[in-house]
PDB file of all heavy atoms in Angstrom:
ATOM      1  N   LYS A   1       6.197 -12.907  14.371  1.00  0.00           N
ATOM      2  CA  LYS A   1       6.089 -14.260  15.093  1.00  0.00           C
ATOM      3  C   LYS A   1       6.692 -15.250  14.147  1.00  0.00           C
ATOM      4  O   LYS A   1       6.749 -16.378  14.603  1.00  0.00           O
ATOM      5  CB  LYS A   1       4.682 -14.652  15.234  1.00  0.00           C
ATOM      6  CG  LYS A   1       3.932 -13.727  16.248  1.00  0.00           C
ATOM      7  CD  LYS A   1       2.424 -14.181  16.585  1.00  0.00           C
ATOM      8  CE  LYS A   1       1.802 -13.190  17.565  1.00  0.00           C
ATOM      9  NZ  LYS A   1       0.398 -13.595  17.797  1.00  0.00           N
ATOM     10  N   ARG A   2       6.711 -15.017  12.845  1.00  0.00           N
ATOM     11  CA  ARG A   2       7.218 -15.960  11.889  1.00  0.00           C
ATOM     12  C   ARG A   2       8.356 -15.456  11.048  1.00  0.00           C
ATOM     13  O   ARG A   2       8.415 -14.266  10.845  1.00  0.00           O
ATOM     14  CB  ARG A   2       5.986 -16.556  10.933  1.00  0.00           C
ATOM     15  CG  ARG A   2       4.727 -16.871  11.618  1.00  0.00           C
ATOM     16  CD  ARG A   2       3.687 -16.816  10.684  1.00  0.00           C
ATOM     17  NE  ARG A   2       2.402 -16.932  11.437  1.00  0.00           N
ATOM     18  CZ  ARG A   2       1.772 -15.852  12.110  1.00  0.00           C
ATOM     19  NH1 ARG A   2       2.231 -14.864  12.037  1.00  0.00           N
ATOM     20  NH2 ARG A   2       0.592 -16.163  12.754  1.00  0.00           N
ATOM     21  N   THR A   3       9.218 -16.319  10.534  1.00  0.00           N
ATOM     22  CA  THR A   3      10.183 -15.969   9.498  1.00  0.00           C
ATOM     23  C   THR A   3      10.011 -16.959   8.363  1.00  0.00           C
ATOM     24  O   THR A   3       9.772 -18.111   8.704  1.00  0.00           O
ATOM     25  CB  THR A   3      11.547 -15.882  10.118  1.00  0.00           C
ATOM     26  OG1 THR A   3      11.944 -17.116  10.717  1.00  0.00           O
ATOM     27  CG2 THR A   3      11.742 -14.862  11.169  1.00  0.00           C
ATOM     28  N   PRO A   4      10.300 -16.476   7.122  1.00  0.00           N
ATOM     29  CA  PRO A   4      10.756 -15.162   6.741  1.00  0.00           C
ATOM     30  C   PRO A   4       9.532 -14.240   6.743  1.00  0.00           C
ATOM     31  O   PRO A   4       8.312 -14.795   6.720  1.00  0.00           O
ATOM     32  CB  PRO A   4      11.337 -15.288   5.438  1.00  0.00           C
ATOM     33  CG  PRO A   4      10.583 -16.384   4.903  1.00  0.00           C
ATOM     34  CD  PRO A   4      10.309 -17.463   6.002  1.00  0.00           C
ATOM     35  N   ILE A   5       9.674 -12.957   6.508  1.00  0.00           N
ATOM     36  CA  ILE A   5       8.623 -12.045   6.414  1.00  0.00           C
ATOM     37  C   ILE A   5       8.662 -11.338   5.066  1.00  0.00           C
ATOM     38  O   ILE A   5       9.777 -11.409   4.400  1.00  0.00           O
ATOM     39  CB  ILE A   5       8.608 -10.827   7.555  1.00  0.00           C
ATOM     40  CG1 ILE A   5       9.876 -10.037   7.454  1.00  0.00           C
ATOM     41  CG2 ILE A   5       8.489 -11.570   8.978  1.00  0.00           C
ATOM     42  CD1 ILE A   5       9.680  -8.791   6.707  1.00  0.00           C
ATOM     43  N   THR A   6       7.565 -10.722   4.718  1.00  0.00           N
ATOM     44  CA  THR A   6       7.710  -9.812   3.410  1.00  0.00           C
ATOM     45  C   THR A   6       6.823  -8.591   3.746  1.00  0.00           C
ATOM     46  O   THR A   6       5.982  -8.530   4.648  1.00  0.00           O
ATOM     47  CB  THR A   6       7.258 -10.545   2.272  1.00  0.00           C
ATOM     48  OG1 THR A   6       7.666  -9.809   1.090  1.00  0.00           O
ATOM     49  CG2 THR A   6       5.684 -10.605   2.193  1.00  0.00           C
ATOM     50  N   THR A   7       7.118  -7.546   2.906  1.00  0.00           N
ATOM     51  CA  THR A   7       6.249  -6.325   2.924  1.00  0.00           C
ATOM     52  C   THR A   7       5.546  -6.324   1.704  1.00  0.00           C
ATOM     53  O   THR A   7       5.754  -7.004   0.685  1.00  0.00           O
ATOM     54  CB  THR A   7       7.224  -5.129   3.002  1.00  0.00           C
ATOM     55  OG1 THR A   7       8.211  -5.241   1.990  1.00  0.00           O
ATOM     56  CG2 THR A   7       7.882  -4.951   4.319  1.00  0.00           C
ATOM     57  N   MET A   8       4.352  -5.535   1.753  1.00  0.00           N
ATOM     58  CA  MET A   8       3.436  -5.481   0.582  1.00  0.00           C
ATOM     59  C   MET A   8       2.769  -4.157   0.569  1.00  0.00           C
ATOM     60  O   MET A   8       2.614  -3.381   1.596  1.00  0.00           O
ATOM     61  CB  MET A   8       2.231  -6.498   0.851  1.00  0.00           C
ATOM     62  CG  MET A   8       2.417  -7.937   0.418  1.00  0.00           C
ATOM     63  SD  MET A   8       0.930  -8.877   0.656  1.00  0.00           S
ATOM     64  CE  MET A   8      -0.104  -8.070  -0.586  1.00  0.00           C
ATOM     65  N   PHE A   9       2.498  -3.717  -0.611  1.00  0.00           N
ATOM     66  CA  PHE A   9       1.668  -2.455  -0.821  1.00  0.00           C
ATOM     67  C   PHE A   9       0.422  -2.967  -1.531  1.00  0.00           C
ATOM     68  O   PHE A   9       0.409  -3.645  -2.426  1.00  0.00           O
ATOM     69  CB  PHE A   9       2.395  -1.516  -1.739  1.00  0.00           C
ATOM     70  CG  PHE A   9       3.536  -0.668  -1.195  1.00  0.00           C
ATOM     71  CD1 PHE A   9       4.837  -0.863  -1.582  1.00  0.00           C
ATOM     72  CD2 PHE A   9       3.203   0.148  -0.158  1.00  0.00           C
ATOM     73  CE1 PHE A   9       5.909  -0.111  -1.072  1.00  0.00           C
ATOM     74  CE2 PHE A   9       4.307   0.975   0.479  1.00  0.00           C
ATOM     75  CZ  PHE A   9       5.446   0.796  -0.004  1.00  0.00           C
ATOM     76  N   THR A  10      -0.712  -2.653  -0.818  1.00  0.00           N
ATOM     77  CA  THR A  10      -2.013  -2.879  -1.365  1.00  0.00           C
ATOM     78  C   THR A  10      -2.675  -1.626  -2.073  1.00  0.00           C
ATOM     79  O   THR A  10      -3.660  -1.795  -2.627  1.00  0.00           O
ATOM     80  CB  THR A  10      -2.892  -3.662  -0.373  1.00  0.00           C
ATOM     81  OG1 THR A  10      -3.513  -2.601   0.482  1.00  0.00           O
ATOM     82  CG2 THR A  10      -2.194  -4.694   0.458  1.00  0.00           C
ATOM     83  N   SER A  11      -2.011  -0.637  -1.738  1.00  0.00           N
ATOM     84  CA  SER A  11      -2.570   0.641  -2.400  1.00  0.00           C
ATOM     85  C   SER A  11      -1.366   1.757  -2.508  1.00  0.00           C
ATOM     86  O   SER A  11      -0.299   1.507  -2.062  1.00  0.00           O
ATOM     87  CB  SER A  11      -3.635   1.285  -1.573  1.00  0.00           C
ATOM     88  OG  SER A  11      -3.013   1.848  -0.223  1.00  0.00           O
ATOM     89  N   ARG A  12      -1.710   2.755  -3.292  1.00  0.00           N
ATOM     90  CA  ARG A  12      -0.747   3.757  -3.440  1.00  0.00           C
ATOM     91  C   ARG A  12      -1.442   5.098  -3.264  1.00  0.00           C
ATOM     92  O   ARG A  12      -2.616   5.317  -3.673  1.00  0.00           O
ATOM     93  CB  ARG A  12      -0.035   3.787  -4.832  1.00  0.00           C
ATOM     94  CG  ARG A  12       0.840   2.447  -5.066  1.00  0.00           C
ATOM     95  CD  ARG A  12       1.436   2.465  -6.480  1.00  0.00           C
ATOM     96  NE  ARG A  12       2.259   1.344  -6.574  1.00  0.00           N
ATOM     97  CZ  ARG A  12       2.899   1.095  -7.754  1.00  0.00           C
ATOM     98  NH1 ARG A  12       2.923   1.901  -8.740  1.00  0.00           N
ATOM     99  NH2 ARG A  12       3.671  -0.080  -7.858  1.00  0.00           N
ATOM    100  N   GLY A  13      -0.629   6.047  -2.747  1.00  0.00           N
ATOM    101  CA  GLY A  13      -1.318   7.400  -2.575  1.00  0.00           C
ATOM    102  C   GLY A  13      -1.982   7.534  -1.245  1.00  0.00           C
ATOM    103  O   GLY A  13      -2.689   6.662  -0.809  1.00  0.00           O
ATOM    104  N   CYS A  14      -1.866   8.742  -0.603  1.00  0.00           N
ATOM    105  CA  CYS A  14      -2.552   8.953   0.716  1.00  0.00           C
ATOM    106  C   CYS A  14      -3.310  10.273   0.604  1.00  0.00           C
ATOM    107  O   CYS A  14      -2.728  11.408   0.177  1.00  0.00           O
ATOM    108  CB  CYS A  14      -1.375   9.080   1.748  1.00  0.00           C
ATOM    109  SG  CYS A  14      -2.153   9.458   3.339  1.00  0.00           S
ATOM    110  N   PRO A  15      -4.561  10.292   0.799  1.00  0.00           N
ATOM    111  CA  PRO A  15      -5.347  11.504   0.691  1.00  0.00           C
ATOM    112  C   PRO A  15      -5.169  12.475   1.907  1.00  0.00           C
ATOM    113  O   PRO A  15      -5.856  13.647   1.751  1.00  0.00           O
ATOM    114  CB  PRO A  15      -6.784  11.019   0.629  1.00  0.00           C
ATOM    115  CG  PRO A  15      -6.705   9.680   1.422  1.00  0.00           C
ATOM    116  CD  PRO A  15      -5.399   9.094   1.234  1.00  0.00           C
ATOM    117  N   TYR A  16      -4.582  12.150   2.901  1.00  0.00           N
ATOM    118  CA  TYR A  16      -4.505  12.965   4.069  1.00  0.00           C
ATOM    119  C   TYR A  16      -3.402  14.005   3.877  1.00  0.00           C
ATOM    120  O   TYR A  16      -2.580  13.861   3.052  1.00  0.00           O
ATOM    121  CB  TYR A  16      -4.277  12.196   5.346  1.00  0.00           C
ATOM    122  CG  TYR A  16      -5.452  11.246   5.571  1.00  0.00           C
ATOM    123  CD1 TYR A  16      -5.252   9.852   5.373  1.00  0.00           C
ATOM    124  CD2 TYR A  16      -6.588  11.797   6.136  1.00  0.00           C
ATOM    125  CE1 TYR A  16      -6.386   8.976   5.527  1.00  0.00           C
ATOM    126  CE2 TYR A  16      -7.677  10.987   6.391  1.00  0.00           C
ATOM    127  CZ  TYR A  16      -7.630   9.542   6.074  1.00  0.00           C
ATOM    128  OH  TYR A  16      -8.794   8.729   6.335  1.00  0.00           O
ATOM    129  N   ARG A  17      -3.457  15.071   4.738  1.00  0.00           N
ATOM    130  CA  ARG A  17      -2.585  16.219   4.509  1.00  0.00           C
ATOM    131  C   ARG A  17      -1.666  16.558   5.673  1.00  0.00           C
ATOM    132  O   ARG A  17      -1.527  17.745   6.030  1.00  0.00           O
ATOM    133  CB  ARG A  17      -3.451  17.503   4.106  1.00  0.00           C
ATOM    134  CG  ARG A  17      -4.330  17.248   2.951  1.00  0.00           C
ATOM    135  CD  ARG A  17      -3.616  17.397   1.627  1.00  0.00           C
ATOM    136  NE  ARG A  17      -4.460  17.073   0.497  1.00  0.00           N
ATOM    137  CZ  ARG A  17      -4.105  17.286  -0.777  1.00  0.00           C
ATOM    138  NH1 ARG A  17      -2.864  17.752  -1.041  1.00  0.00           N
ATOM    139  NH2 ARG A  17      -4.826  16.994  -1.706  1.00  0.00           N
ATOM    140  N   CYS A  18      -1.116  15.570   6.377  1.00  0.00           N
ATOM    141  CA  CYS A  18      -0.276  15.809   7.437  1.00  0.00           C
ATOM    142  C   CYS A  18       0.901  16.721   6.990  1.00  0.00           C
ATOM    143  O   CYS A  18       1.545  16.343   5.887  1.00  0.00           O
ATOM    144  CB  CYS A  18       0.289  14.491   8.002  1.00  0.00           C
ATOM    145  SG  CYS A  18      -1.007  13.387   8.673  1.00  0.00           S
ATOM    146  N   THR A  19       1.170  17.733   7.686  1.00  0.00           N
ATOM    147  CA  THR A  19       2.130  18.742   7.284  1.00  0.00           C
ATOM    148  C   THR A  19       3.507  18.217   7.256  1.00  0.00           C
ATOM    149  O   THR A  19       4.456  18.770   6.600  1.00  0.00           O
ATOM    150  CB  THR A  19       2.053  20.110   8.104  1.00  0.00           C
ATOM    151  OG1 THR A  19       2.308  19.686   9.478  1.00  0.00           O
ATOM    152  CG2 THR A  19       0.708  20.752   7.875  1.00  0.00           C
ATOM    153  N   PHE A  20       3.874  17.129   7.909  1.00  0.00           N
ATOM    154  CA  PHE A  20       5.278  16.597   8.123  1.00  0.00           C
ATOM    155  C   PHE A  20       5.534  15.489   7.140  1.00  0.00           C
ATOM    156  O   PHE A  20       6.736  14.895   7.112  1.00  0.00           O
ATOM    157  CB  PHE A  20       5.494  16.149   9.606  1.00  0.00           C
ATOM    158  CG  PHE A  20       4.604  14.951   9.926  1.00  0.00           C
ATOM    159  CD1 PHE A  20       4.822  13.707   9.746  1.00  0.00           C
ATOM    160  CD2 PHE A  20       3.333  15.305  10.580  1.00  0.00           C
ATOM    161  CE1 PHE A  20       3.947  12.635   9.981  1.00  0.00           C
ATOM    162  CE2 PHE A  20       2.370  14.210  10.894  1.00  0.00           C
ATOM    163  CZ  PHE A  20       2.777  12.951  10.695  1.00  0.00           C
ATOM    164  N   CYS A  21       4.570  15.124   6.333  1.00  0.00           N
ATOM    165  CA  CYS A  21       4.787  13.820   5.436  1.00  0.00           C
ATOM    166  C   CYS A  21       4.357  14.241   4.002  1.00  0.00           C
ATOM    167  O   CYS A  21       3.438  14.928   3.788  1.00  0.00           O
ATOM    168  CB  CYS A  21       3.802  12.860   6.082  1.00  0.00           C
ATOM    169  SG  CYS A  21       3.838  11.296   5.067  1.00  0.00           S
ATOM    170  N   ASP A  22       5.112  13.747   3.072  1.00  0.00           N
ATOM    171  CA  ASP A  22       4.834  13.823   1.648  1.00  0.00           C
ATOM    172  C   ASP A  22       5.543  12.737   0.974  1.00  0.00           C
ATOM    173  O   ASP A  22       6.687  12.405   1.061  1.00  0.00           O
ATOM    174  CB  ASP A  22       5.285  15.221   1.218  1.00  0.00           C
ATOM    175  CG  ASP A  22       4.680  15.561  -0.213  1.00  0.00           C
ATOM    176  OD1 ASP A  22       3.593  14.998  -0.458  1.00  0.00           O
ATOM    177  OD2 ASP A  22       5.233  16.390  -0.932  1.00  0.00           O
ATOM    178  N   ARG A  23       4.792  12.100  -0.017  1.00  0.00           N
ATOM    179  CA  ARG A  23       5.305  11.160  -1.009  1.00  0.00           C
ATOM    180  C   ARG A  23       4.914  11.679  -2.300  1.00  0.00           C
ATOM    181  O   ARG A  23       3.978  10.998  -2.939  1.00  0.00           O
ATOM    182  CB  ARG A  23       4.723   9.736  -0.671  1.00  0.00           C
ATOM    183  CG  ARG A  23       5.158   9.227   0.684  1.00  0.00           C
ATOM    184  CD  ARG A  23       4.433   7.892   0.858  1.00  0.00           C
ATOM    185  NE  ARG A  23       4.560   7.490   2.225  1.00  0.00           N
ATOM    186  CZ  ARG A  23       5.586   6.676   2.796  1.00  0.00           C
ATOM    187  NH1 ARG A  23       6.402   6.278   1.888  1.00  0.00           N
ATOM    188  NH2 ARG A  23       5.552   6.220   3.973  1.00  0.00           N
ATOM    189  N   PRO A  24       5.590  12.646  -2.870  1.00  0.00           N
ATOM    190  CA  PRO A  24       5.153  13.315  -4.059  1.00  0.00           C
ATOM    191  C   PRO A  24       5.116  12.356  -5.323  1.00  0.00           C
ATOM    192  O   PRO A  24       4.461  12.548  -6.186  1.00  0.00           O
ATOM    193  CB  PRO A  24       6.072  14.441  -4.342  1.00  0.00           C
ATOM    194  CG  PRO A  24       7.260  14.110  -3.552  1.00  0.00           C
ATOM    195  CD  PRO A  24       6.720  13.317  -2.345  1.00  0.00           C
ATOM    196  N   HIS A  25       6.022  11.373  -5.218  1.00  0.00           N
ATOM    197  CA  HIS A  25       5.968  10.376  -6.424  1.00  0.00           C
ATOM    198  C   HIS A  25       4.902   9.466  -6.468  1.00  0.00           C
ATOM    199  O   HIS A  25       4.581   8.893  -7.468  1.00  0.00           O
ATOM    200  CB  HIS A  25       7.343   9.569  -6.300  1.00  0.00           C
ATOM    201  CG  HIS A  25       7.465   8.756  -5.160  1.00  0.00           C
ATOM    202  ND1 HIS A  25       7.385   9.252  -3.926  1.00  0.00           N
ATOM    203  CD2 HIS A  25       7.644   7.479  -5.002  1.00  0.00           C
ATOM    204  CE1 HIS A  25       7.593   8.182  -3.063  1.00  0.00           C
ATOM    205  NE2 HIS A  25       7.793   7.120  -3.725  1.00  0.00           N
ATOM    206  N   LEU A  26       4.069   9.373  -5.358  1.00  0.00           N
ATOM    207  CA  LEU A  26       2.887   8.592  -5.393  1.00  0.00           C
ATOM    208  C   LEU A  26       1.585   9.262  -5.437  1.00  0.00           C
ATOM    209  O   LEU A  26       0.475   8.638  -5.677  1.00  0.00           O
ATOM    210  CB  LEU A  26       2.907   7.629  -4.209  1.00  0.00           C
ATOM    211  CG  LEU A  26       4.111   6.614  -4.120  1.00  0.00           C
ATOM    212  CD1 LEU A  26       3.988   5.860  -2.786  1.00  0.00           C
ATOM    213  CD2 LEU A  26       4.199   5.784  -5.232  1.00  0.00           C
ATOM    214  N   GLY A  27       1.600  10.586  -5.246  1.00  0.00           N
ATOM    215  CA  GLY A  27       0.404  11.454  -5.290  1.00  0.00           C
ATOM    216  C   GLY A  27      -0.447  11.343  -4.155  1.00  0.00           C
ATOM    217  O   GLY A  27      -0.238  10.636  -3.134  1.00  0.00           O
ATOM    218  N   LYS A  28      -1.524  12.248  -4.205  1.00  0.00           N
ATOM    219  CA  LYS A  28      -2.460  12.297  -3.119  1.00  0.00           C
ATOM    220  C   LYS A  28      -3.755  11.533  -3.425  1.00  0.00           C
ATOM    221  O   LYS A  28      -4.574  11.522  -2.499  1.00  0.00           O
ATOM    222  CB  LYS A  28      -2.791  13.750  -2.848  1.00  0.00           C
ATOM    223  CG  LYS A  28      -1.634  14.477  -2.014  1.00  0.00           C
ATOM    224  CD  LYS A  28      -1.560  13.969  -0.604  1.00  0.00           C
ATOM    225  CE  LYS A  28      -0.493  14.643   0.170  1.00  0.00           C
ATOM    226  NZ  LYS A  28      -0.327  14.029   1.551  1.00  0.00           N
ATOM    227  N   SER A  29      -3.839  10.992  -4.516  1.00  0.00           N
ATOM    228  CA  SER A  29      -5.079  10.209  -4.889  1.00  0.00           C
ATOM    229  C   SER A  29      -4.894   8.737  -4.460  1.00  0.00           C
ATOM    230  O   SER A  29      -3.776   8.041  -4.763  1.00  0.00           O
ATOM    231  CB  SER A  29      -5.150  10.252  -6.441  1.00  0.00           C
ATOM    232  OG  SER A  29      -6.212   9.319  -6.869  1.00  0.00           O
ATOM    233  N   PHE A  30      -5.750   8.369  -3.561  1.00  0.00           N
ATOM    234  CA  PHE A  30      -5.830   6.959  -3.119  1.00  0.00           C
ATOM    235  C   PHE A  30      -6.134   6.047  -4.306  1.00  0.00           C
ATOM    236  O   PHE A  30      -7.233   6.096  -4.712  1.00  0.00           O
ATOM    237  CB  PHE A  30      -6.747   6.881  -1.908  1.00  0.00           C
ATOM    238  CG  PHE A  30      -6.820   5.448  -1.316  1.00  0.00           C
ATOM    239  CD1 PHE A  30      -5.731   4.903  -0.714  1.00  0.00           C
ATOM    240  CD2 PHE A  30      -7.925   4.765  -1.616  1.00  0.00           C
ATOM    241  CE1 PHE A  30      -5.819   3.578  -0.267  1.00  0.00           C
ATOM    242  CE2 PHE A  30      -8.158   3.394  -1.029  1.00  0.00           C
ATOM    243  CZ  PHE A  30      -7.083   2.783  -0.249  1.00  0.00           C
ATOM    244  N   ARG A  31      -5.280   5.083  -4.504  1.00  0.00           N
ATOM    245  CA  ARG A  31      -5.518   4.032  -5.569  1.00  0.00           C
ATOM    246  C   ARG A  31      -5.320   2.708  -4.903  1.00  0.00           C
ATOM    247  O   ARG A  31      -4.204   2.420  -4.414  1.00  0.00           O
ATOM    248  CB  ARG A  31      -4.673   4.285  -6.777  1.00  0.00           C
ATOM    249  CG  ARG A  31      -4.963   5.650  -7.573  1.00  0.00           C
ATOM    250  CD  ARG A  31      -3.664   5.982  -8.348  1.00  0.00           C
ATOM    251  NE  ARG A  31      -2.508   6.418  -7.497  1.00  0.00           N
ATOM    252  CZ  ARG A  31      -1.356   5.998  -7.651  1.00  0.00           C
ATOM    253  NH1 ARG A  31      -1.007   5.106  -8.610  1.00  0.00           N
ATOM    254  NH2 ARG A  31      -0.272   6.451  -6.912  1.00  0.00           N
ATOM    255  N   ALA A  32      -6.323   1.807  -5.033  1.00  0.00           N
ATOM    256  CA  ALA A  32      -6.258   0.598  -4.278  1.00  0.00           C
ATOM    257  C   ALA A  32      -6.353  -0.674  -5.268  1.00  0.00           C
ATOM    258  O   ALA A  32      -7.009  -0.530  -6.143  1.00  0.00           O
ATOM    259  CB  ALA A  32      -7.264   0.566  -3.180  1.00  0.00           C
ATOM    260  N   ARG A  33      -5.679  -1.728  -4.886  1.00  0.00           N
ATOM    261  CA  ARG A  33      -5.800  -2.907  -5.483  1.00  0.00           C
ATOM    262  C   ARG A  33      -6.998  -3.616  -4.989  1.00  0.00           C
ATOM    263  O   ARG A  33      -7.510  -3.413  -3.855  1.00  0.00           O
ATOM    264  CB  ARG A  33      -4.549  -3.865  -5.192  1.00  0.00           C
ATOM    265  CG  ARG A  33      -3.325  -3.262  -5.777  1.00  0.00           C
ATOM    266  CD  ARG A  33      -1.967  -3.937  -5.235  1.00  0.00           C
ATOM    267  NE  ARG A  33      -2.102  -5.323  -5.434  1.00  0.00           N
ATOM    268  CZ  ARG A  33      -1.245  -6.267  -4.736  1.00  0.00           C
ATOM    269  NH1 ARG A  33      -0.313  -5.674  -3.929  1.00  0.00           N
ATOM    270  NH2 ARG A  33      -1.392  -7.532  -4.856  1.00  0.00           N
ATOM    271  N   SER A  34      -7.612  -4.581  -5.805  1.00  0.00           N
ATOM    272  CA  SER A  34      -8.782  -5.233  -5.404  1.00  0.00           C
ATOM    273  C   SER A  34      -8.447  -6.275  -4.268  1.00  0.00           C
ATOM    274  O   SER A  34      -7.242  -6.703  -4.189  1.00  0.00           O
ATOM    275  CB  SER A  34      -9.379  -5.905  -6.580  1.00  0.00           C
ATOM    276  OG  SER A  34      -8.577  -7.012  -7.044  1.00  0.00           O
ATOM    277  N   ALA A  35      -9.457  -6.582  -3.575  1.00  0.00           N
ATOM    278  CA  ALA A  35      -9.282  -7.474  -2.411  1.00  0.00           C
ATOM    279  C   ALA A  35      -8.724  -8.950  -3.003  1.00  0.00           C
ATOM    280  O   ALA A  35      -7.780  -9.550  -2.352  1.00  0.00           O
ATOM    281  CB  ALA A  35     -10.474  -7.778  -1.705  1.00  0.00           C
ATOM    282  N   LEU A  36      -9.296  -9.371  -4.123  1.00  0.00           N
ATOM    283  CA  LEU A  36      -8.853 -10.638  -4.791  1.00  0.00           C
ATOM    284  C   LEU A  36      -7.453 -10.642  -5.127  1.00  0.00           C
ATOM    285  O   LEU A  36      -6.558 -11.541  -4.962  1.00  0.00           O
ATOM    286  CB  LEU A  36      -9.853 -10.944  -5.931  1.00  0.00           C
ATOM    287  CG  LEU A  36     -11.189 -11.410  -5.694  1.00  0.00           C
ATOM    288  CD1 LEU A  36     -11.901 -11.744  -6.948  1.00  0.00           C
ATOM    289  CD2 LEU A  36     -11.112 -12.635  -4.864  1.00  0.00           C
ATOM    290  N   ASN A  37      -6.937  -9.421  -5.756  1.00  0.00           N
ATOM    291  CA  ASN A  37      -5.532  -9.478  -6.241  1.00  0.00           C
ATOM    292  C   ASN A  37      -4.613  -9.377  -4.977  1.00  0.00           C
ATOM    293  O   ASN A  37      -3.487  -9.785  -5.028  1.00  0.00           O
ATOM    294  CB  ASN A  37      -5.456  -7.915  -6.976  1.00  0.00           C
ATOM    295  CG  ASN A  37      -4.012  -7.842  -7.529  1.00  0.00           C
ATOM    296  OD1 ASN A  37      -3.226  -7.095  -7.195  1.00  0.00           O
ATOM    297  ND2 ASN A  37      -3.818  -8.573  -8.725  1.00  0.00           N
ATOM    298  N   VAL A  38      -4.997  -8.620  -3.946  1.00  0.00           N
ATOM    299  CA  VAL A  38      -4.196  -8.572  -2.822  1.00  0.00           C
ATOM    300  C   VAL A  38      -3.883 -10.043  -2.130  1.00  0.00           C
ATOM    301  O   VAL A  38      -2.885 -10.452  -1.778  1.00  0.00           O
ATOM    302  CB  VAL A  38      -4.895  -7.606  -1.588  1.00  0.00           C
ATOM    303  CG1 VAL A  38      -4.033  -7.884  -0.284  1.00  0.00           C
ATOM    304  CG2 VAL A  38      -4.694  -6.286  -2.170  1.00  0.00           C
ATOM    305  N   VAL A  39      -5.095 -10.766  -1.949  1.00  0.00           N
ATOM    306  CA  VAL A  39      -5.034 -11.962  -1.376  1.00  0.00           C
ATOM    307  C   VAL A  39      -4.399 -13.035  -2.343  1.00  0.00           C
ATOM    308  O   VAL A  39      -3.727 -14.011  -1.864  1.00  0.00           O
ATOM    309  CB  VAL A  39      -6.298 -12.661  -0.937  1.00  0.00           C
ATOM    310  CG1 VAL A  39      -6.178 -13.831  -0.164  1.00  0.00           C
ATOM    311  CG2 VAL A  39      -6.949 -11.577   0.050  1.00  0.00           C
ATOM    312  N   ASP A  40      -4.530 -12.817  -3.677  1.00  0.00           N
ATOM    313  CA  ASP A  40      -3.733 -13.680  -4.578  1.00  0.00           C
ATOM    314  C   ASP A  40      -2.190 -13.542  -4.281  1.00  0.00           C
ATOM    315  O   ASP A  40      -1.469 -14.549  -4.419  1.00  0.00           O
ATOM    316  CB  ASP A  40      -3.939 -13.203  -6.063  1.00  0.00           C
ATOM    317  CG  ASP A  40      -5.318 -13.770  -6.481  1.00  0.00           C
ATOM    318  OD1 ASP A  40      -5.876 -14.689  -5.972  1.00  0.00           O
ATOM    319  OD2 ASP A  40      -5.859 -13.320  -7.504  1.00  0.00           O
ATOM    320  N   GLU A  41      -1.838 -12.371  -4.139  1.00  0.00           N
ATOM    321  CA  GLU A  41      -0.304 -12.061  -3.891  1.00  0.00           C
ATOM    322  C   GLU A  41       0.085 -12.812  -2.532  1.00  0.00           C
ATOM    323  O   GLU A  41       1.218 -13.409  -2.453  1.00  0.00           O
ATOM    324  CB  GLU A  41      -0.087 -10.633  -3.747  1.00  0.00           C
ATOM    325  CG  GLU A  41       1.544 -10.422  -3.609  1.00  0.00           C
ATOM    326  CD  GLU A  41       1.917  -8.870  -3.475  1.00  0.00           C
ATOM    327  OE1 GLU A  41       1.048  -8.187  -4.012  1.00  0.00           O
ATOM    328  OE2 GLU A  41       2.924  -8.573  -3.070  1.00  0.00           O
ATOM    329  N   MET A  42      -0.687 -12.693  -1.544  1.00  0.00           N
ATOM    330  CA  MET A  42      -0.513 -13.253  -0.247  1.00  0.00           C
ATOM    331  C   MET A  42      -0.380 -14.832  -0.473  1.00  0.00           C
ATOM    332  O   MET A  42       0.567 -15.510   0.040  1.00  0.00           O
ATOM    333  CB  MET A  42      -1.498 -12.972   0.802  1.00  0.00           C
ATOM    334  CG  MET A  42      -1.559 -11.716   1.383  1.00  0.00           C
ATOM    335  SD  MET A  42      -2.972 -11.399   2.501  1.00  0.00           S
ATOM    336  CE  MET A  42      -2.555  -9.853   3.306  1.00  0.00           C
ATOM    337  N   GLU A  43      -1.328 -15.475  -1.245  1.00  0.00           N
ATOM    338  CA  GLU A  43      -1.190 -16.888  -1.468  1.00  0.00           C
ATOM    339  C   GLU A  43       0.076 -17.313  -2.243  1.00  0.00           C
ATOM    340  O   GLU A  43       0.621 -18.301  -2.060  1.00  0.00           O
ATOM    341  CB  GLU A  43      -2.497 -17.330  -2.269  1.00  0.00           C
ATOM    342  CG  GLU A  43      -2.771 -18.803  -2.275  1.00  0.00           C
ATOM    343  CD  GLU A  43      -4.154 -19.089  -2.529  1.00  0.00           C
ATOM    344  OE1 GLU A  43      -4.751 -18.433  -3.379  1.00  0.00           O
ATOM    345  OE2 GLU A  43      -4.685 -20.215  -2.077  1.00  0.00           O
ATOM    346  N   ALA A  44       0.410 -16.378  -3.176  1.00  0.00           N
ATOM    347  CA  ALA A  44       1.601 -16.728  -4.001  1.00  0.00           C
ATOM    348  C   ALA A  44       2.859 -16.715  -3.009  1.00  0.00           C
ATOM    349  O   ALA A  44       3.837 -17.459  -3.132  1.00  0.00           O
ATOM    350  CB  ALA A  44       1.852 -15.626  -5.044  1.00  0.00           C
TER     351      ALA A  44
END
């Protein structure tokens, strides 16, 4: 609805095991940023 846009990652790693998907460089361990850190980036 607005421009410009940006993309964000608030976590890395996916614990699910879908057979068609793999991101080996990020691992299967879910690692998340804190809510404050995420919204700090949005505010920036």
